[in-house]
Protein backbone atom coordinates (compact mmCIF):
# COMPACT_ATOMS: atom_id res chain seq x y z
CA UNK A 1 -6.60 -46.34 -49.46
CA UNK A 2 -5.01 -47.64 -52.63
CA UNK A 3 -1.95 -45.78 -53.90
CA UNK A 4 -0.99 -45.81 -57.54
CA UNK A 5 2.39 -46.99 -58.73
CA UNK A 6 3.27 -43.37 -59.43
CA UNK A 7 2.49 -42.42 -55.81
CA UNK A 8 4.56 -45.28 -54.42
CA UNK A 9 7.48 -44.17 -56.59
CA UNK A 10 7.10 -40.63 -55.29
CA UNK A 11 7.15 -41.86 -51.67
CA UNK A 12 10.29 -43.83 -52.46
CA UNK A 13 12.05 -40.85 -54.03
CA UNK A 14 11.10 -38.60 -51.10
CA UNK A 15 12.54 -41.15 -48.68
CA UNK A 16 15.77 -41.36 -50.65
CA UNK A 17 16.14 -37.59 -50.58
CA UNK A 18 15.53 -37.48 -46.82
CA UNK A 19 18.17 -40.15 -46.23
CA UNK A 20 20.71 -38.63 -48.60
CA UNK A 21 20.24 -35.24 -46.94
CA UNK A 22 21.30 -36.89 -43.67
CA UNK A 23 24.40 -38.36 -45.32
CA UNK A 24 23.06 -41.90 -45.79
CA UNK A 25 24.54 -44.40 -48.23
CA UNK A 26 21.93 -46.28 -50.28
CA UNK A 27 22.75 -49.52 -52.05
CA UNK A 28 21.42 -50.71 -55.39
CA UNK A 29 17.70 -51.46 -55.30
CA UNK A 30 16.92 -49.66 -52.04
CA UNK A 31 13.17 -49.15 -51.68
CA UNK A 32 10.78 -47.68 -49.13
CA UNK A 33 7.00 -47.75 -48.84
CA UNK A 34 6.28 -44.61 -46.91
CA UNK A 35 8.65 -42.05 -45.44
CA UNK A 36 10.59 -42.88 -42.25
CA UNK A 37 11.58 -40.45 -39.52
CA UNK A 38 15.30 -39.77 -39.86
CA UNK A 39 17.04 -37.79 -37.12
CA UNK A 40 20.60 -36.80 -36.35
CA UNK A 41 21.34 -35.23 -33.00
CA UNK A 42 24.30 -33.90 -31.04
CA UNK A 43 25.15 -32.71 -27.56
CA UNK A 44 26.95 -29.77 -29.17
CA UNK A 45 25.37 -26.38 -29.76
CA UNK A 46 25.15 -26.81 -33.54
CA UNK A 47 24.74 -29.76 -35.89
CA UNK A 48 27.35 -30.20 -38.62
CA UNK A 49 25.77 -32.51 -41.19
CA UNK A 50 29.20 -33.50 -42.51
CA UNK A 51 29.71 -35.41 -39.24
CA UNK A 52 26.88 -37.76 -40.21
CA UNK A 53 27.98 -38.66 -43.75
CA UNK A 54 28.09 -42.42 -44.14
CA UNK A 55 26.62 -43.03 -40.68
CA UNK A 56 23.43 -44.65 -42.06
CA UNK A 57 24.06 -47.40 -44.62
CA UNK A 58 21.54 -49.52 -46.53
CA UNK A 59 23.22 -52.29 -48.51
CA UNK A 60 21.94 -53.65 -51.84
CA UNK A 61 18.30 -54.66 -51.81
CA UNK A 62 17.62 -53.38 -48.29
CA UNK A 63 14.28 -51.67 -47.77
CA UNK A 64 11.87 -49.95 -45.38
CA UNK A 65 8.23 -51.01 -45.05
CA UNK A 66 5.78 -48.50 -43.63
CA UNK A 67 2.85 -49.83 -45.60
CA UNK A 68 -0.74 -49.02 -44.61
CA UNK A 69 -1.99 -52.57 -45.19
CA UNK A 70 -0.14 -54.40 -42.42
CA UNK A 71 -2.65 -56.27 -40.18
CA UNK A 72 -0.74 -55.26 -37.01
CA UNK A 73 -0.46 -51.95 -35.18
CA UNK A 74 2.60 -50.23 -36.56
CA UNK A 75 4.10 -46.78 -36.76
CA UNK A 76 6.90 -45.62 -39.03
CA UNK A 77 10.55 -46.58 -39.13
CA UNK A 78 12.67 -44.21 -37.02
CA UNK A 79 16.43 -43.92 -37.50
CA UNK A 80 18.41 -41.79 -35.04
CA UNK A 81 22.17 -41.27 -35.05
CA UNK A 82 23.65 -39.45 -32.05
CA UNK A 83 26.93 -37.55 -31.75
CA UNK A 84 28.18 -37.22 -28.18
CA UNK A 85 31.47 -36.55 -26.41
CA UNK A 86 32.58 -40.15 -26.84
CA UNK A 87 31.90 -40.56 -30.55
CA UNK A 88 29.12 -40.92 -33.07
CA UNK A 89 26.67 -43.68 -33.91
CA UNK A 90 26.33 -45.72 -37.08
CA UNK A 91 23.49 -47.85 -38.47
CA UNK A 92 24.17 -50.52 -41.12
CA UNK A 93 21.29 -52.47 -42.67
CA UNK A 94 22.35 -55.58 -44.57
CA UNK A 95 21.44 -56.84 -48.01
CA UNK A 96 17.78 -57.72 -48.55
CA UNK A 97 16.83 -56.80 -44.98
CA UNK A 98 13.55 -54.93 -44.53
CA UNK A 99 12.86 -52.62 -41.59
CA UNK A 100 9.18 -52.62 -40.60
CA UNK A 101 8.35 -49.67 -38.36
CA UNK A 102 11.69 -50.36 -36.68
CA UNK A 103 13.08 -47.77 -34.24
CA UNK A 104 16.89 -47.68 -34.17
CA UNK A 105 18.96 -45.34 -31.98
CA UNK A 106 22.74 -45.50 -32.28
CA UNK A 107 25.47 -43.84 -30.23
CA UNK A 108 28.29 -46.18 -31.29
CA UNK A 109 27.27 -48.82 -33.84
CA UNK A 110 24.40 -51.10 -34.84
CA UNK A 111 24.99 -53.65 -37.59
CA UNK A 112 22.13 -55.71 -39.02
CA UNK A 113 22.94 -58.67 -41.24
CA UNK A 114 21.58 -59.95 -44.50
CA UNK A 115 18.01 -61.11 -45.03
CA UNK A 116 16.79 -60.30 -41.50
CA UNK A 117 13.01 -60.38 -41.01
CA UNK A 118 11.52 -57.83 -38.60
CA UNK A 119 8.06 -57.87 -37.14
CA UNK A 120 6.61 -54.37 -36.67
CA UNK A 121 7.63 -52.01 -33.88
CA UNK A 122 11.01 -53.49 -32.92
CA UNK A 123 13.33 -51.17 -30.94
CA UNK A 124 17.14 -51.38 -31.13
CA UNK A 125 19.31 -49.11 -28.99
CA UNK A 126 23.05 -49.30 -28.27
CA UNK A 127 23.06 -46.99 -25.21
CA UNK A 128 20.88 -46.19 -22.24
CA UNK A 129 20.28 -42.69 -23.62
CA UNK A 130 20.25 -41.21 -20.11
CA UNK A 131 21.76 -41.99 -16.71
CA UNK A 132 20.30 -45.01 -14.96
CA UNK A 133 21.25 -43.49 -11.60
CA UNK A 134 18.78 -40.68 -10.86
CA UNK A 135 20.63 -39.45 -7.76
CA UNK A 136 22.04 -36.60 -9.86
CA UNK A 137 19.24 -35.20 -12.04
CA UNK A 138 21.65 -32.73 -13.68
CA UNK A 139 23.71 -35.52 -15.20
CA UNK A 140 22.60 -36.19 -18.80
CA UNK A 141 25.37 -38.47 -20.08
CA UNK A 142 23.97 -41.38 -22.17
CA UNK A 143 25.95 -43.96 -20.24
CA UNK A 144 28.50 -46.25 -21.90
CA UNK A 145 27.29 -47.34 -25.36
CA UNK A 146 28.11 -50.84 -26.54
CA UNK A 147 27.67 -51.97 -30.16
CA UNK A 148 24.91 -54.31 -31.31
CA UNK A 149 25.25 -56.92 -34.04
CA UNK A 150 22.35 -58.88 -35.51
CA UNK A 151 23.41 -61.80 -37.68
CA UNK A 152 22.14 -62.98 -41.04
CA UNK A 153 18.69 -64.46 -41.67
CA UNK A 154 17.44 -63.77 -38.14
CA UNK A 155 13.76 -63.41 -37.25
CA UNK A 156 12.98 -60.58 -34.83
CA UNK A 157 9.41 -60.75 -33.50
CA UNK A 158 6.81 -58.01 -33.08
CA UNK A 159 7.61 -55.41 -30.45
CA UNK A 160 10.95 -56.90 -29.38
CA UNK A 161 13.64 -54.69 -27.80
CA UNK A 162 17.34 -55.33 -28.41
CA UNK A 163 19.56 -53.48 -25.95
CA UNK A 164 23.19 -52.40 -25.90
CA UNK A 165 26.05 -54.85 -26.21
CA UNK A 166 23.98 -57.70 -27.66
CA UNK A 167 25.15 -59.98 -30.47
CA UNK A 168 22.52 -62.16 -32.13
CA UNK A 169 23.87 -65.09 -34.13
CA UNK A 170 22.87 -66.12 -37.63
CA UNK A 171 19.41 -67.71 -38.04
CA UNK A 172 18.38 -66.88 -34.48
CA UNK A 173 14.76 -66.18 -33.51
CA UNK A 174 13.66 -63.51 -31.03
CA UNK A 175 10.11 -63.95 -29.76
CA UNK A 176 7.52 -61.18 -29.90
CA UNK A 177 7.72 -58.57 -27.10
CA UNK A 178 11.01 -60.01 -25.85
CA UNK A 179 13.64 -57.76 -24.26
CA UNK A 180 17.08 -58.99 -25.28
CA UNK A 181 19.89 -58.05 -22.89
CA UNK A 182 22.33 -60.93 -23.54
CA UNK A 183 23.88 -62.57 -26.58
CA UNK A 184 21.87 -65.10 -28.58
CA UNK A 185 23.74 -68.03 -30.21
CA UNK A 186 23.32 -68.94 -33.88
CA UNK A 187 20.05 -70.85 -34.41
CA UNK A 188 19.01 -69.92 -30.87
CA UNK A 189 15.40 -69.16 -29.95
CA UNK A 190 14.86 -66.66 -27.13
CA UNK A 191 11.79 -65.14 -25.54
CA UNK A 192 10.55 -63.28 -22.49
CA UNK A 193 11.46 -60.26 -20.36
CA UNK A 194 14.36 -60.49 -19.97
CA UNK A 195 14.75 -62.87 -22.92
CA UNK A 196 16.02 -66.34 -22.07
CA UNK A 197 17.31 -69.10 -24.30
CA UNK A 198 14.54 -71.59 -25.06
CA UNK A 199 16.42 -73.93 -27.38
CA UNK A 200 19.07 -74.09 -30.09
CA UNK A 201 17.86 -75.54 -33.38
CA UNK A 202 19.75 -78.16 -35.34
CA UNK A 203 19.92 -76.91 -38.95
CA UNK A 204 18.30 -79.31 -41.42
CA UNK A 205 19.67 -77.59 -44.51
CA UNK A 206 23.06 -76.57 -45.87
CA UNK A 207 24.03 -73.43 -43.94
CA UNK A 208 24.43 -70.49 -46.28
CA UNK A 209 27.62 -68.48 -46.24
CA UNK A 210 27.60 -64.69 -46.45
CA UNK A 211 29.93 -62.05 -47.81
């Protein structure tokens, strides 16, 4: 199906309204092809939308790609910010970074750098979301969240999972379907389940500095 420019613009405006309704901050030039799923949630009885103002941030030139022409299986981008008894999540997407059917769940803080390339269907989550110990089925605490930071100009492969407490250095590469549980150094290449360091590249170009 081919959409007209007018239809793409309508999709983009609808996405902006959805995000702004949830308190998001949108930088100059934000764009989306297709509407994402945006969700705020709380362990309290009622949701106060004021709590979520500024908790989703897209910096200048950041975008969302949910296009129908991708050759890979892909869903839609899903952004979830959770308020719980220990705090509230935050999602920051850096300049010129494009989310591609990326699922992000934040209880404390997920920061994505500038110019990051995502393959489709990547999952990023800064908490377990539920108890790991099932000896007490009545316990629903999300565990102890730990922030995630993805550096600038990283490549994150198709279907990868990035779990709580991980820092990924600038220019790192995460292989497709990898599950990242430990930090990745700048220029590092990791892959596997759990992801392991394969090598660290020697840069052959002047390393760019970022704001």
